[in-house]
Amino acid sequence: MANDNNIYESVHNYTKFKLIEMLIEKYKDKNLDNLNAIEELSDDILRILAVAGLKYYQELKGTFNE
């Protein structure tokens, strides 16, 4: 159980870090006051979630298949 919590904590921390990193790099000087900017942000967030999911897929696959 403790190992499972460590994995989930690791996924959470990595995902949060990557989202913050992307927001700082790409959106620090932009206003999200139009639909195109919000749509671009949404696409970037989905891309980060996919990367984080792929990074931990193998590690978590065994946990869910038990």
PDB file of N, CA and C in Angstrom:
ATOM      1  N   MET A   1       0.817  -1.192   0.000  1.00  0.00           N
ATOM      2  CA  MET A   1       0.000   0.000   0.000  1.00  0.00           C
ATOM      3  C   MET A   1       0.864   1.261   0.000  1.00  0.00           C
ATOM      4  N   ALA A   2       1.921   1.277   0.784  1.00  0.00           N
ATOM      5  CA  ALA A   2       2.810   2.440   0.834  1.00  0.00           C
ATOM      6  C   ALA A   2       3.483   2.656  -0.520  1.00  0.00           C
ATOM      7  N   ASN A   3       3.843   1.540  -1.189  1.00  0.00           N
ATOM      8  CA  ASN A   3       4.462   1.640  -2.505  1.00  0.00           C
ATOM      9  C   ASN A   3       3.490   2.249  -3.508  1.00  0.00           C
ATOM     10  N   ASP A   4       2.209   1.871  -3.426  1.00  0.00           N
ATOM     11  CA  ASP A   4       1.188   2.445  -4.313  1.00  0.00           C
ATOM     12  C   ASP A   4       1.071   3.948  -4.095  1.00  0.00           C
ATOM     13  N   ASN A   5       1.080   4.356  -2.840  1.00  0.00           N
ATOM     14  CA  ASN A   5       1.000   5.785  -2.537  1.00  0.00           C
ATOM     15  C   ASN A   5       2.203   6.531  -3.083  1.00  0.00           C
ATOM     16  N   ASN A   6       3.382   5.901  -3.022  1.00  0.00           N
ATOM     17  CA  ASN A   6       4.587   6.522  -3.568  1.00  0.00           C
ATOM     18  C   ASN A   6       4.470   6.708  -5.079  1.00  0.00           C
ATOM     19  N   ILE A   7       3.923   5.717  -5.757  1.00  0.00           N
ATOM     20  CA  ILE A   7       3.754   5.812  -7.209  1.00  0.00           C
ATOM     21  C   ILE A   7       2.787   6.941  -7.551  1.00  0.00           C
ATOM     22  N   TYR A   8       1.645   6.973  -6.878  1.00  0.00           N
ATOM     23  CA  TYR A   8       0.658   8.018  -7.157  1.00  0.00           C
ATOM     24  C   TYR A   8       1.206   9.406  -6.828  1.00  0.00           C
ATOM     25  N   GLU A   9       1.947   9.512  -5.762  1.00  0.00           N
ATOM     26  CA  GLU A   9       2.568  10.781  -5.382  1.00  0.00           C
ATOM     27  C   GLU A   9       3.587  11.206  -6.436  1.00  0.00           C
ATOM     28  N   SER A  10       4.331  10.246  -6.942  1.00  0.00           N
ATOM     29  CA  SER A  10       5.316  10.520  -7.974  1.00  0.00           C
ATOM     30  C   SER A  10       4.644  10.999  -9.264  1.00  0.00           C
ATOM     31  N   VAL A  11       3.566  10.334  -9.666  1.00  0.00           N
ATOM     32  CA  VAL A  11       2.813  10.745 -10.853  1.00  0.00           C
ATOM     33  C   VAL A  11       2.257  12.149 -10.653  1.00  0.00           C
ATOM     34  N   HIS A  12       1.669  12.384  -9.502  1.00  0.00           N
ATOM     35  CA  HIS A  12       1.101  13.697  -9.188  1.00  0.00           C
ATOM     36  C   HIS A  12       2.164  14.788  -9.266  1.00  0.00           C
ATOM     37  N   ASN A  13       3.287  14.572  -8.617  1.00  0.00           N
ATOM     38  CA  ASN A  13       4.348  15.582  -8.581  1.00  0.00           C
ATOM     39  C   ASN A  13       4.917  15.854  -9.967  1.00  0.00           C
ATOM     40  N   TYR A  14       5.138  14.794 -10.746  1.00  0.00           N
ATOM     41  CA  TYR A  14       5.690  14.953 -12.093  1.00  0.00           C
ATOM     42  C   TYR A  14       4.715  15.725 -12.979  1.00  0.00           C
ATOM     43  N   THR A  15       3.436  15.357 -12.936  1.00  0.00           N
ATOM     44  CA  THR A  15       2.424  16.014 -13.755  1.00  0.00           C
ATOM     45  C   THR A  15       2.289  17.485 -13.376  1.00  0.00           C
ATOM     46  N   LYS A  16       2.228  17.751 -12.097  1.00  0.00           N
ATOM     47  CA  LYS A  16       2.119  19.136 -11.617  1.00  0.00           C
ATOM     48  C   LYS A  16       3.334  19.952 -12.047  1.00  0.00           C
ATOM     49  N   PHE A  17       4.527  19.389 -11.907  1.00  0.00           N
ATOM     50  CA  PHE A  17       5.748  20.073 -12.306  1.00  0.00           C
ATOM     51  C   PHE A  17       5.724  20.402 -13.790  1.00  0.00           C
ATOM     52  N   LYS A  18       5.371  19.434 -14.632  1.00  0.00           N
ATOM     53  CA  LYS A  18       5.363  19.651 -16.071  1.00  0.00           C
ATOM     54  C   LYS A  18       4.317  20.690 -16.477  1.00  0.00           C
ATOM     55  N   LEU A  19       3.165  20.685 -15.829  1.00  0.00           N
ATOM     56  CA  LEU A  19       2.142  21.690 -16.127  1.00  0.00           C
ATOM     57  C   LEU A  19       2.617  23.097 -15.760  1.00  0.00           C
ATOM     58  N   ILE A  20       3.190  23.227 -14.596  1.00  0.00           N
ATOM     59  CA  ILE A  20       3.698  24.536 -14.154  1.00  0.00           C
ATOM     60  C   ILE A  20       4.830  25.008 -15.054  1.00  0.00           C
ATOM     61  N   GLU A  21       5.712  24.093 -15.410  1.00  0.00           N
ATOM     62  CA  GLU A  21       6.826  24.439 -16.296  1.00  0.00           C
ATOM     63  C   GLU A  21       6.303  24.957 -17.641  1.00  0.00           C
ATOM     64  N   MET A  22       5.326  24.257 -18.211  1.00  0.00           N
ATOM     65  CA  MET A  22       4.752  24.663 -19.493  1.00  0.00           C
ATOM     66  C   MET A  22       4.051  26.014 -19.371  1.00  0.00           C
ATOM     67  N   LEU A  23       3.286  26.211 -18.294  1.00  0.00           N
ATOM     68  CA  LEU A  23       2.570  27.474 -18.105  1.00  0.00           C
ATOM     69  C   LEU A  23       3.535  28.652 -17.992  1.00  0.00           C
ATOM     70  N   ILE A  24       4.612  28.461 -17.269  1.00  0.00           N
ATOM     71  CA  ILE A  24       5.602  29.529 -17.111  1.00  0.00           C
ATOM     72  C   ILE A  24       6.272  29.837 -18.448  1.00  0.00           C
ATOM     73  N   GLU A  25       6.679  28.799 -19.170  1.00  0.00           N
ATOM     74  CA  GLU A  25       7.398  28.999 -20.428  1.00  0.00           C
ATOM     75  C   GLU A  25       6.528  29.616 -21.519  1.00  0.00           C
ATOM     76  N   LYS A  26       5.297  29.135 -21.652  1.00  0.00           N
ATOM     77  CA  LYS A  26       4.484  29.530 -22.798  1.00  0.00           C
ATOM     78  C   LYS A  26       3.465  30.632 -22.533  1.00  0.00           C
ATOM     79  N   TYR A  27       3.053  30.792 -21.296  1.00  0.00           N
ATOM     80  CA  TYR A  27       1.912  31.663 -21.045  1.00  0.00           C
ATOM     81  C   TYR A  27       2.177  32.806 -20.063  1.00  0.00           C
ATOM     82  N   LYS A  28       3.422  33.013 -19.673  1.00  0.00           N
ATOM     83  CA  LYS A  28       3.685  34.064 -18.687  1.00  0.00           C
ATOM     84  C   LYS A  28       3.375  35.459 -19.230  1.00  0.00           C
ATOM     85  N   ASP A  29       3.496  35.658 -20.526  1.00  0.00           N
ATOM     86  CA  ASP A  29       3.253  36.974 -21.108  1.00  0.00           C
ATOM     87  C   ASP A  29       1.982  37.034 -21.952  1.00  0.00           C
ATOM     88  N   LYS A  30       1.163  36.004 -21.890  1.00  0.00           N
ATOM     89  CA  LYS A  30      -0.040  35.951 -22.714  1.00  0.00           C
ATOM     90  C   LYS A  30      -1.288  36.164 -21.871  1.00  0.00           C
ATOM     91  N   ASN A  31      -2.274  36.763 -22.498  1.00  0.00           N
ATOM     92  CA  ASN A  31      -3.588  36.890 -21.880  1.00  0.00           C
ATOM     93  C   ASN A  31      -4.477  35.776 -22.417  1.00  0.00           C
ATOM     94  N   LEU A  32      -5.239  35.202 -21.547  1.00  0.00           N
ATOM     95  CA  LEU A  32      -6.172  34.148 -21.964  1.00  0.00           C
ATOM     96  C   LEU A  32      -7.561  34.749 -22.113  1.00  0.00           C
ATOM     97  N   ASP A  33      -7.629  35.770 -22.945  1.00  0.00           N
ATOM     98  CA  ASP A  33      -8.881  36.501 -23.076  1.00  0.00           C
ATOM     99  C   ASP A  33      -9.623  36.220 -24.384  1.00  0.00           C
ATOM    100  N   ASN A  34      -9.176  35.197 -25.104  1.00  0.00           N
ATOM    101  CA  ASN A  34      -9.919  34.830 -26.302  1.00  0.00           C
ATOM    102  C   ASN A  34      -9.972  33.310 -26.429  1.00  0.00           C
ATOM    103  N   LEU A  35     -10.878  32.852 -27.228  1.00  0.00           N
ATOM    104  CA  LEU A  35     -11.124  31.419 -27.354  1.00  0.00           C
ATOM    105  C   LEU A  35      -9.922  30.672 -27.917  1.00  0.00           C
ATOM    106  N   ASN A  36      -9.203  31.261 -28.845  1.00  0.00           N
ATOM    107  CA  ASN A  36      -8.037  30.596 -29.433  1.00  0.00           C
ATOM    108  C   ASN A  36      -6.940  30.360 -28.395  1.00  0.00           C
ATOM    109  N   ALA A  37      -6.696  31.320 -27.538  1.00  0.00           N
ATOM    110  CA  ALA A  37      -5.675  31.168 -26.498  1.00  0.00           C
ATOM    111  C   ALA A  37      -6.085  30.098 -25.492  1.00  0.00           C
ATOM    112  N   ILE A  38      -7.344  30.065 -25.139  1.00  0.00           N
ATOM    113  CA  ILE A  38      -7.834  29.048 -24.202  1.00  0.00           C
ATOM    114  C   ILE A  38      -7.768  27.661 -24.835  1.00  0.00           C
ATOM    115  N   GLU A  39      -8.096  27.575 -26.107  1.00  0.00           N
ATOM    116  CA  GLU A  39      -8.021  26.300 -26.820  1.00  0.00           C
ATOM    117  C   GLU A  39      -6.574  25.817 -26.911  1.00  0.00           C
ATOM    118  N   GLU A  40      -5.654  26.713 -27.162  1.00  0.00           N
ATOM    119  CA  GLU A  40      -4.234  26.361 -27.212  1.00  0.00           C
ATOM    120  C   GLU A  40      -3.760  25.858 -25.846  1.00  0.00           C
ATOM    121  N   LEU A  41      -4.169  26.524 -24.788  1.00  0.00           N
ATOM    122  CA  LEU A  41      -3.825  26.093 -23.440  1.00  0.00           C
ATOM    123  C   LEU A  41      -4.379  24.698 -23.163  1.00  0.00           C
ATOM    124  N   SER A  42      -5.603  24.451 -23.555  1.00  0.00           N
ATOM    125  CA  SER A  42      -6.215  23.135 -23.357  1.00  0.00           C
ATOM    126  C   SER A  42      -5.441  22.054 -24.097  1.00  0.00           C
ATOM    127  N   ASP A  43      -5.046  22.331 -25.324  1.00  0.00           N
ATOM    128  CA  ASP A  43      -4.246  21.365 -26.083  1.00  0.00           C
ATOM    129  C   ASP A  43      -2.915  21.095 -25.400  1.00  0.00           C
ATOM    130  N   ASP A  44      -2.286  22.139 -24.888  1.00  0.00           N
ATOM    131  CA  ASP A  44      -1.011  21.968 -24.188  1.00  0.00           C
ATOM    132  C   ASP A  44      -1.179  21.137 -22.912  1.00  0.00           C
ATOM    133  N   ILE A  45      -2.252  21.363 -22.197  1.00  0.00           N
ATOM    134  CA  ILE A  45      -2.509  20.589 -20.971  1.00  0.00           C
ATOM    135  C   ILE A  45      -2.738  19.121 -21.310  1.00  0.00           C
ATOM    136  N   LEU A  46      -3.513  18.853 -22.341  1.00  0.00           N
ATOM    137  CA  LEU A  46      -3.737  17.464 -22.752  1.00  0.00           C
ATOM    138  C   LEU A  46      -2.440  16.794 -23.185  1.00  0.00           C
ATOM    139  N   ARG A  47      -1.571  17.540 -23.844  1.00  0.00           N
ATOM    140  CA  ARG A  47      -0.275  16.993 -24.255  1.00  0.00           C
ATOM    141  C   ARG A  47       0.571  16.626 -23.036  1.00  0.00           C
ATOM    142  N   ILE A  48       0.588  17.486 -22.031  1.00  0.00           N
ATOM    143  CA  ILE A  48       1.339  17.219 -20.797  1.00  0.00           C
ATOM    144  C   ILE A  48       0.767  15.986 -20.090  1.00  0.00           C
ATOM    145  N   LEU A  49      -0.546  15.882 -20.026  1.00  0.00           N
ATOM    146  CA  LEU A  49      -1.167  14.718 -19.385  1.00  0.00           C
ATOM    147  C   LEU A  49      -0.828  13.434 -20.124  1.00  0.00           C
ATOM    148  N   ALA A  50      -0.767  13.492 -21.441  1.00  0.00           N
ATOM    149  CA  ALA A  50      -0.388  12.310 -22.224  1.00  0.00           C
ATOM    150  C   ALA A  50       1.055  11.910 -21.948  1.00  0.00           C
ATOM    151  N   VAL A  51       1.945  12.890 -21.886  1.00  0.00           N
ATOM    152  CA  VAL A  51       3.361  12.603 -21.605  1.00  0.00           C
ATOM    153  C   VAL A  51       3.507  11.981 -20.217  1.00  0.00           C
ATOM    154  N   ALA A  52       2.833  12.547 -19.236  1.00  0.00           N
ATOM    155  CA  ALA A  52       2.913  12.012 -17.875  1.00  0.00           C
ATOM    156  C   ALA A  52       2.322  10.609 -17.826  1.00  0.00           C
ATOM    157  N   GLY A  53       1.228  10.391 -18.523  1.00  0.00           N
ATOM    158  CA  GLY A  53       0.615   9.069 -18.556  1.00  0.00           C
ATOM    159  C   GLY A  53       1.527   8.033 -19.184  1.00  0.00           C
ATOM    160  N   LEU A  54       2.164   8.392 -20.275  1.00  0.00           N
ATOM    161  CA  LEU A  54       3.073   7.455 -20.930  1.00  0.00           C
ATOM    162  C   LEU A  54       4.305   7.170 -20.073  1.00  0.00           C
ATOM    163  N   LYS A  55       4.775   8.178 -19.376  1.00  0.00           N
ATOM    164  CA  LYS A  55       5.956   8.004 -18.522  1.00  0.00           C
ATOM    165  C   LYS A  55       5.706   6.957 -17.443  1.00  0.00           C
ATOM    166  N   TYR A  56       4.521   6.958 -16.876  1.00  0.00           N
ATOM    167  CA  TYR A  56       4.230   6.058 -15.761  1.00  0.00           C
ATOM    168  C   TYR A  56       3.366   4.861 -16.140  1.00  0.00           C
ATOM    169  N   TYR A  57       3.049   4.695 -17.401  1.00  0.00           N
ATOM    170  CA  TYR A  57       2.169   3.615 -17.843  1.00  0.00           C
ATOM    171  C   TYR A  57       2.678   2.246 -17.402  1.00  0.00           C
ATOM    172  N   GLN A  58       3.903   1.937 -17.700  1.00  0.00           N
ATOM    173  CA  GLN A  58       4.461   0.626 -17.364  1.00  0.00           C
ATOM    174  C   GLN A  58       4.464   0.380 -15.864  1.00  0.00           C
ATOM    175  N   GLU A  59       4.825   1.386 -15.114  1.00  0.00           N
ATOM    176  CA  GLU A  59       4.899   1.240 -13.664  1.00  0.00           C
ATOM    177  C   GLU A  59       3.517   1.017 -13.059  1.00  0.00           C
ATOM    178  N   LEU A  60       2.518   1.700 -13.566  1.00  0.00           N
ATOM    179  CA  LEU A  60       1.177   1.588 -13.018  1.00  0.00           C
ATOM    180  C   LEU A  60       0.396   0.421 -13.611  1.00  0.00           C
ATOM    181  N   LYS A  61       0.784  -0.063 -14.770  1.00  0.00           N
ATOM    182  CA  LYS A  61       0.072  -1.149 -15.426  1.00  0.00           C
ATOM    183  C   LYS A  61      -0.008  -2.375 -14.524  1.00  0.00           C
ATOM    184  N   GLY A  62       1.070  -2.736 -13.879  1.00  0.00           N
ATOM    185  CA  GLY A  62       1.083  -3.870 -12.980  1.00  0.00           C
ATOM    186  C   GLY A  62       0.194  -3.656 -11.762  1.00  0.00           C
ATOM    187  N   THR A  63       0.102  -2.441 -11.305  1.00  0.00           N
ATOM    188  CA  THR A  63      -0.726  -2.121 -10.139  1.00  0.00           C
ATOM    189  C   THR A  63      -2.205  -2.351 -10.442  1.00  0.00           C
ATOM    190  N   PHE A  64      -2.652  -1.946 -11.617  1.00  0.00           N
ATOM    191  CA  PHE A  64      -4.068  -2.064 -11.952  1.00  0.00           C
ATOM    192  C   PHE A  64      -4.451  -3.452 -12.464  1.00  0.00           C
ATOM    193  N   ASN A  65      -3.486  -4.243 -12.890  1.00  0.00           N
ATOM    194  CA  ASN A  65      -3.774  -5.576 -13.413  1.00  0.00           C
ATOM    195  C   ASN A  65      -3.768  -6.645 -12.331  1.00  0.00           C
ATOM    196  N   GLU A  66      -3.509  -6.288 -11.078  1.00  0.00           N
ATOM    197  CA  GLU A  66      -3.451  -7.270 -10.003  1.00  0.00           C
ATOM    198  C   GLU A  66      -4.804  -7.789  -9.637  1.00  0.00           C
TER     199      GLU A  66
END
